[in-house]
């Protein structure tokens, strides 16, 4: 027997707004790029917008950054290109993973974006596809992606039309001799390989000084409120604050437990609220018993374990809050990393798709 799915003739009603959202401070994002551009001295600051704008939404952050003056954008995957091109006027877009297939190369040529060549094999693949403007990554010590220093004289690189000759720092957030060694190797590669612009510094590398800047810096986490080095703490502003709606309010008494496995037990009568955020949204279980939400200046501690879609908070100090009201996660990145053990990068890129952006 054949089952036939019937659909109504009238369109479905609009999807209701989600019960969780990201409060994106566009002024802070703009201010952070301008500050990093100033710190880049004679170099110009670009922007890493990979991983959907570090979790904030590439379609939201790219126009703000471009309006501030950014002209160079970096993504990791070819699938991330469309979101940048959809909201940006003609700009420089570089794909860090490079052309793995002939189809990647054809896509780059059709869209005008630049592949970042990471190996001799990718260089040959790009040239076999017809070549064109590209960037070139040199591995100066991270042993991840990039042409090794031992291969910078390979003839396969000779035909490349290199815009940006770049490398990536291993420990820019620390004071280590490896930074100096990488800078020296990068400058050596710059003397060997013809290119128009050179780039070494990521967010933390910008604070290492002009020797690391070249012509273009590539901030990522610092754009979005992360603090990779202490000297940047007073310069950068928080950009994003997760917010969740209160789904239910209830009164509990001494001895009642909250959440899975009863890890929290009330010692006195309390007013508690269940909010629409959980580990499926990137608010992980490491926040259990540690996280805080805010209602204005009122602090609302997380009670018990964070579950997949919900978290319970203490509303005793906020008797005015009701179902449907919104609360804001205490989510300053450097401080949150210290509380949870997550990196500042994870705190942003784990933010899930259910947030209204």
Protein backbone atom coordinates (compact mmCIF):
# COMPACT_ATOMS: atom_id res chain seq x y z
CA UNK A 1 0.00 0.00 0.00
CA UNK A 2 1.41 3.36 -1.02
CA UNK A 3 1.34 6.12 1.56
CA UNK A 4 0.64 9.61 0.18
CA UNK A 5 1.73 12.64 2.19
CA UNK A 6 -0.86 15.42 2.03
CA UNK A 7 0.17 19.05 2.40
CA UNK A 8 -2.22 21.95 3.03
CA UNK A 9 -2.85 24.36 0.19
CA UNK A 10 -2.14 27.35 2.41
CA UNK A 11 1.46 28.16 3.42
CA UNK A 12 2.66 27.33 6.92
CA UNK A 13 2.50 30.08 9.50
CA UNK A 14 5.73 31.99 10.16
CA UNK A 15 8.10 30.20 12.53
CA UNK A 16 7.94 31.81 15.99
CA UNK A 17 11.00 33.61 17.28
CA UNK A 18 13.40 31.32 19.17
CA UNK A 19 13.50 31.34 22.96
CA UNK A 20 17.21 32.04 22.88
CA UNK A 21 19.22 34.66 21.04
CA UNK A 22 22.63 36.23 20.73
CA UNK A 23 22.88 39.87 21.68
CA UNK A 24 25.46 41.06 19.13
CA UNK A 25 27.05 44.41 19.99
CA UNK A 26 27.91 45.72 16.53
CA UNK A 27 29.50 48.86 17.95
CA UNK A 28 31.87 46.73 20.04
CA UNK A 29 32.74 44.61 17.00
CA UNK A 30 33.48 47.71 14.94
CA UNK A 31 35.51 49.22 17.79
CA UNK A 32 37.55 46.04 18.19
CA UNK A 33 38.49 45.95 14.49
CA UNK A 34 39.47 49.61 14.54
CA UNK A 35 41.60 49.06 17.66
CA UNK A 36 43.34 46.04 16.10
CA UNK A 37 43.89 47.96 12.88
CA UNK A 38 45.57 50.75 14.88
CA UNK A 39 47.68 48.22 16.78
CA UNK A 40 48.78 46.79 13.43
CA UNK A 41 50.77 50.00 12.86
CA UNK A 42 51.71 50.30 9.17
CA UNK A 43 49.96 47.01 8.34
CA UNK A 44 46.26 46.71 7.61
CA UNK A 45 44.01 44.44 9.67
CA UNK A 46 41.98 41.77 7.93
CA UNK A 47 39.44 39.49 9.62
CA UNK A 48 39.08 35.76 10.18
CA UNK A 49 35.36 35.03 9.73
CA UNK A 50 35.62 31.23 9.49
CA UNK A 51 33.33 28.95 11.53
CA UNK A 52 30.37 31.20 10.69
CA UNK A 53 32.06 34.31 12.01
CA UNK A 54 33.40 32.44 15.08
CA UNK A 55 29.83 31.40 15.89
CA UNK A 56 28.29 34.88 15.72
CA UNK A 57 27.01 34.53 12.15
CA UNK A 58 29.15 35.49 9.16
CA UNK A 59 26.25 37.29 7.52
CA UNK A 60 25.96 39.46 10.64
CA UNK A 61 29.62 40.27 11.27
CA UNK A 62 31.01 40.70 7.74
CA UNK A 63 28.98 43.84 6.88
CA UNK A 64 29.97 45.46 10.19
CA UNK A 65 33.64 44.72 9.62
CA UNK A 66 33.53 45.90 6.02
CA UNK A 67 31.82 49.12 7.04
CA UNK A 68 34.60 49.66 9.61
CA UNK A 69 37.16 49.40 6.80
CA UNK A 70 38.11 45.71 6.58
CA UNK A 71 38.88 44.52 3.05
CA UNK A 72 40.45 41.08 3.61
CA UNK A 73 38.44 38.14 4.92
CA UNK A 74 39.56 34.59 5.71
CA UNK A 75 37.43 31.45 5.86
CA UNK A 76 38.47 27.81 6.30
CA UNK A 77 36.06 25.83 4.10
CA UNK A 78 34.85 26.43 0.56
CA UNK A 79 31.30 26.07 1.90
CA UNK A 80 31.82 29.25 3.93
CA UNK A 81 32.48 31.47 0.91
CA UNK A 82 28.85 32.00 -0.09
CA UNK A 83 27.87 33.64 3.21
CA UNK A 84 30.67 36.19 2.86
CA UNK A 85 29.97 37.01 -0.78
CA UNK A 86 26.23 37.29 -0.08
CA UNK A 87 26.68 40.30 2.20
CA UNK A 88 29.96 41.91 1.08
CA UNK A 89 30.83 44.14 -1.82
CA UNK A 90 33.85 42.95 -3.85
CA UNK A 91 36.56 42.15 -1.32
CA UNK A 92 39.52 39.84 -0.86
CA UNK A 93 38.30 36.44 0.38
CA UNK A 94 40.85 33.69 1.10
CA UNK A 95 40.05 30.02 1.72
CA UNK A 96 42.59 28.66 4.18
CA UNK A 97 42.21 24.96 3.41
CA UNK A 98 43.19 25.45 -0.22
CA UNK A 99 42.13 23.50 -3.32
CA UNK A 100 41.79 19.82 -2.46
CA UNK A 101 40.12 18.98 -5.79
CA UNK A 102 39.79 20.35 -9.30
CA UNK A 103 36.23 21.34 -8.37
CA UNK A 104 37.60 23.57 -5.58
CA UNK A 105 39.92 25.26 -8.05
CA UNK A 106 37.09 25.79 -10.54
CA UNK A 107 34.92 27.29 -7.81
CA UNK A 108 37.67 29.71 -6.82
CA UNK A 109 38.10 30.87 -10.40
CA UNK A 110 34.35 31.25 -10.90
CA UNK A 111 33.83 33.30 -7.73
CA UNK A 112 37.08 35.26 -7.69
CA UNK A 113 38.05 34.10 -4.20
CA UNK A 114 41.63 33.07 -3.51
CA UNK A 115 42.76 29.61 -2.51
CA UNK A 116 45.50 29.50 0.10
CA UNK A 117 48.06 27.08 -1.34
CA UNK A 118 49.33 24.81 1.44
CA UNK A 119 51.45 22.22 -0.36
CA UNK A 120 53.39 21.51 -3.54
CA UNK A 121 50.50 19.25 -4.60
CA UNK A 122 48.00 22.08 -4.19
CA UNK A 123 50.27 24.41 -6.14
CA UNK A 124 50.33 21.97 -9.04
CA UNK A 125 46.58 21.40 -8.85
CA UNK A 126 45.95 25.16 -8.96
CA UNK A 127 48.23 25.67 -11.95
CA UNK A 128 46.76 22.68 -13.81
CA UNK A 129 43.34 24.29 -13.39
CA UNK A 130 44.59 27.49 -15.00
CA UNK A 131 46.07 29.25 -11.99
CA UNK A 132 45.37 32.85 -11.10
CA UNK A 133 45.57 34.99 -8.01
CA UNK A 134 46.21 32.97 -4.84
CA UNK A 135 47.73 33.15 -1.38
CA UNK A 136 50.52 30.90 -0.11
CA UNK A 137 50.92 29.46 3.40
CA UNK A 138 54.42 28.70 4.63
CA UNK A 139 54.79 26.38 7.63
CA UNK A 140 57.32 28.04 9.93
CA UNK A 141 56.84 25.68 12.85
CA UNK A 142 53.23 24.72 13.52
CA UNK A 143 53.45 21.49 11.49
CA UNK A 144 49.82 21.72 10.51
CA UNK A 145 49.12 23.27 7.09
CA UNK A 146 51.60 25.01 4.84
CA UNK A 147 54.56 24.46 2.56
CA UNK A 148 57.55 23.38 4.71
CA UNK A 149 60.56 25.69 4.77
CA UNK A 150 62.58 22.94 3.11
CA UNK A 151 60.36 23.24 0.00
CA UNK A 152 60.16 27.02 -0.48
CA UNK A 153 62.55 26.80 -3.44
CA UNK A 154 60.48 24.15 -5.24
CA UNK A 155 59.87 25.01 -8.90
CA UNK A 156 56.14 24.26 -8.50
CA UNK A 157 55.83 27.54 -6.57
CA UNK A 158 57.51 29.61 -9.28
CA UNK A 159 54.43 30.07 -11.44
CA UNK A 160 52.10 31.12 -8.64
CA UNK A 161 50.64 34.63 -8.67
CA UNK A 162 50.87 35.15 -4.90
CA UNK A 163 48.96 37.98 -3.30
CA UNK A 164 49.50 37.19 0.41
CA UNK A 165 52.46 35.15 1.63
CA UNK A 166 51.43 34.03 5.08
CA UNK A 167 52.39 31.85 7.99
CA UNK A 168 50.73 31.08 11.31
CA UNK A 169 52.12 31.57 14.81
CA UNK A 170 52.17 28.64 17.22
CA UNK A 171 52.14 30.48 20.57
CA UNK A 172 51.37 34.13 19.99
CA UNK A 173 49.58 34.37 23.34
CA UNK A 174 52.82 33.47 25.14
CA UNK A 175 56.28 35.00 25.32
CA UNK A 176 58.39 32.25 23.78
CA UNK A 177 61.49 32.00 21.61
CA UNK A 178 59.38 30.11 19.08
CA UNK A 179 57.72 33.40 18.10
CA UNK A 180 61.10 34.90 17.20
CA UNK A 181 62.13 31.76 15.30
CA UNK A 182 58.92 31.73 13.28
CA UNK A 183 59.26 35.42 12.45
CA UNK A 184 62.79 34.84 11.18
CA UNK A 185 61.70 31.89 9.00
CA UNK A 186 58.74 33.84 7.62
CA UNK A 187 61.03 36.70 6.64
CA UNK A 188 63.38 34.22 4.98
CA UNK A 189 60.49 32.86 2.92
CA UNK A 190 59.48 36.40 1.99
CA UNK A 191 62.94 36.92 0.50
CA UNK A 192 62.67 33.78 -1.63
CA UNK A 193 59.07 33.79 -2.90
CA UNK A 194 57.69 36.72 -4.94
CA UNK A 195 54.48 38.10 -3.43
CA UNK A 196 52.54 41.34 -3.11
CA UNK A 197 51.75 41.28 0.61
CA UNK A 198 53.04 39.38 3.64
CA UNK A 199 51.11 38.32 6.76
CA UNK A 200 52.15 36.56 9.97
CA UNK A 201 50.31 38.01 12.99
CA UNK A 202 47.03 36.60 14.22
CA UNK A 203 45.19 38.23 17.15
CA UNK A 204 47.92 37.67 19.72
CA UNK A 205 50.66 38.27 17.17
CA UNK A 206 49.46 41.85 16.68
CA UNK A 207 50.60 42.63 20.24
CA UNK A 208 54.07 41.18 19.56
CA UNK A 209 55.03 44.28 17.60
CA UNK A 210 55.67 45.60 14.11
CA UNK A 211 58.24 42.92 13.24
CA UNK A 212 55.38 40.40 13.14
CA UNK A 213 52.89 42.49 11.17
CA UNK A 214 54.08 42.56 7.58
CA UNK A 215 51.49 44.19 5.33
CA UNK A 216 48.37 42.50 6.74
CA UNK A 217 47.37 41.11 10.13
CA UNK A 218 44.71 38.45 10.55
CA UNK A 219 42.81 38.92 13.83
CA UNK A 220 40.15 36.40 14.74
CA UNK A 221 39.25 35.83 18.39
CA UNK A 222 40.17 39.41 19.40
CA UNK A 223 37.59 40.82 16.99
CA UNK A 224 34.85 39.04 18.88
CA UNK A 225 35.87 40.04 22.39
CA UNK A 226 38.51 37.41 23.16
CA UNK A 227 41.64 38.55 24.97
CA UNK A 228 44.65 36.56 23.71
CA UNK A 229 47.25 38.64 25.57
CA UNK A 230 46.91 40.64 28.76
CA UNK A 231 48.08 43.90 27.16
CA UNK A 232 44.91 43.78 25.02
CA UNK A 233 42.53 43.46 27.98
CA UNK A 234 41.78 47.16 28.25
CA UNK A 235 41.48 47.63 24.50
CA UNK A 236 38.89 45.04 23.45
CA UNK A 237 35.18 44.97 24.27
CA UNK A 238 32.74 42.10 24.76
CA UNK A 239 30.79 41.55 21.54
CA UNK A 240 28.30 38.78 22.21
CA UNK A 241 26.01 37.86 25.11
CA UNK A 242 23.82 34.74 24.96
CA UNK A 243 20.28 35.36 26.15
CA UNK A 244 17.53 32.89 27.02
CA UNK A 245 13.83 33.15 27.83
CA UNK A 246 12.37 31.86 31.09
CA UNK A 247 10.17 28.86 30.32
CA UNK A 248 8.80 28.24 33.81
CA UNK A 249 9.01 29.65 37.33
CA UNK A 250 8.42 27.58 40.44
CA UNK A 251 8.83 27.66 44.21
CA UNK A 252 10.82 24.90 45.92
CA UNK A 253 11.39 24.14 49.57
CA UNK A 254 14.34 23.06 51.66
CA UNK A 255 15.37 19.53 50.69
CA UNK A 256 14.15 19.74 47.09
CA UNK A 257 16.72 18.91 44.44
CA UNK A 258 17.13 20.51 41.03
CA UNK A 259 18.04 18.83 37.75
CA UNK A 260 19.53 15.48 36.82
CA UNK A 261 21.04 13.35 39.59
CA UNK A 262 20.01 15.86 42.26
CA UNK A 263 23.41 17.51 42.41
CA UNK A 264 21.85 20.66 43.91
CA UNK A 265 19.66 20.57 47.03
CA UNK A 266 17.92 23.64 48.37
CA UNK A 267 18.80 24.53 51.96
CA UNK A 268 15.88 26.96 52.22
CA UNK A 269 12.76 27.93 50.22
CA UNK A 270 13.77 29.26 46.80
CA UNK A 271 12.26 30.66 43.64
CA UNK A 272 13.78 29.01 40.57
CA UNK A 273 13.41 29.39 36.82
CA UNK A 274 14.00 27.04 33.91
CA UNK A 275 15.49 28.78 30.88
CA UNK A 276 15.73 27.71 27.24
CA UNK A 277 19.43 26.97 26.90
CA UNK A 278 21.47 23.82 27.31
CA UNK A 279 24.47 21.87 26.13
CA UNK A 280 22.90 21.36 22.69
CA UNK A 281 23.25 25.14 22.32
CA UNK A 282 26.89 25.17 23.40
CA UNK A 283 26.14 26.04 27.03
CA UNK A 284 27.97 22.94 28.20
CA UNK A 285 27.70 20.91 31.38
CA UNK A 286 30.92 22.50 32.62
CA UNK A 287 28.74 25.49 33.54
CA UNK A 288 26.78 23.30 36.01
CA UNK A 289 26.86 24.94 39.43
CA UNK A 290 29.29 27.57 38.10
CA UNK A 291 27.46 29.65 35.53
CA UNK A 292 25.62 32.90 36.18
CA UNK A 293 22.88 34.74 34.36
CA UNK A 294 22.03 38.38 34.80
CA UNK A 295 18.82 40.37 34.98
CA UNK A 296 20.20 43.88 34.85
CA UNK A 297 22.60 43.96 37.79
CA UNK A 298 20.99 41.01 39.59
CA UNK A 299 23.06 37.80 39.51
CA UNK A 300 21.15 34.55 38.95
CA UNK A 301 23.34 31.49 39.65
CA UNK A 302 22.97 28.24 37.72
CA UNK A 303 21.52 25.47 39.89
CA UNK A 304 22.35 21.80 39.36
CA UNK A 305 23.32 20.26 36.06
CA UNK A 306 22.88 21.88 32.69
CA UNK A 307 20.76 19.58 30.51
CA UNK A 308 20.41 19.33 26.74
CA UNK A 309 17.85 22.08 26.18
CA UNK A 310 17.36 23.66 29.60
CA UNK A 311 19.20 25.19 32.53
CA UNK A 312 17.78 26.07 35.92
CA UNK A 313 18.70 29.32 37.66
CA UNK A 314 18.05 30.89 41.05
CA UNK A 315 15.41 33.63 40.77
CA UNK A 316 15.14 34.29 44.51
CA UNK A 317 16.82 37.70 44.15
CA UNK A 318 14.65 38.64 41.17
CA UNK A 319 11.00 38.30 42.25
CA UNK A 320 9.91 40.49 39.34
CA UNK A 321 10.91 37.95 36.67
CA UNK A 322 8.14 35.90 35.05
CA UNK A 323 7.73 33.32 32.30
CA UNK A 324 8.71 34.84 28.95
CA UNK A 325 11.19 37.29 30.44
CA UNK A 326 14.78 37.21 29.18
CA UNK A 327 18.02 36.75 31.10
CA UNK A 328 21.60 37.19 29.86
CA UNK A 329 24.50 34.79 30.37
CA UNK A 330 27.55 36.16 32.16
CA UNK A 331 29.82 35.34 29.20
CA UNK A 332 32.88 37.59 29.11
CA UNK A 333 35.29 35.32 27.25
CA UNK A 334 38.50 35.52 29.28
CA UNK A 335 36.69 35.15 32.60
CA UNK A 336 34.41 32.42 31.27
CA UNK A 337 37.40 30.45 30.01
CA UNK A 338 38.91 30.56 33.50
CA UNK A 339 35.65 29.31 35.07
CA UNK A 340 34.92 26.49 32.61
CA UNK A 341 38.30 25.33 31.35
CA UNK A 342 37.09 25.89 27.78
CA UNK A 343 39.16 28.06 25.47
CA UNK A 344 37.81 31.44 24.43
CA UNK A 345 37.56 30.02 20.90
CA UNK A 346 35.38 27.12 22.06
CA UNK A 347 33.10 29.44 24.02
CA UNK A 348 32.21 31.24 20.78
CA UNK A 349 32.26 28.53 18.15
CA UNK A 350 30.20 26.09 20.25
CA UNK A 351 27.21 28.45 20.25
CA UNK A 352 24.50 26.47 18.49
CA UNK A 353 22.21 27.03 15.53
CA UNK A 354 19.11 27.56 17.67
CA UNK A 355 20.21 31.03 18.77
CA UNK A 356 18.46 33.85 16.97
CA UNK A 357 21.24 35.83 15.34
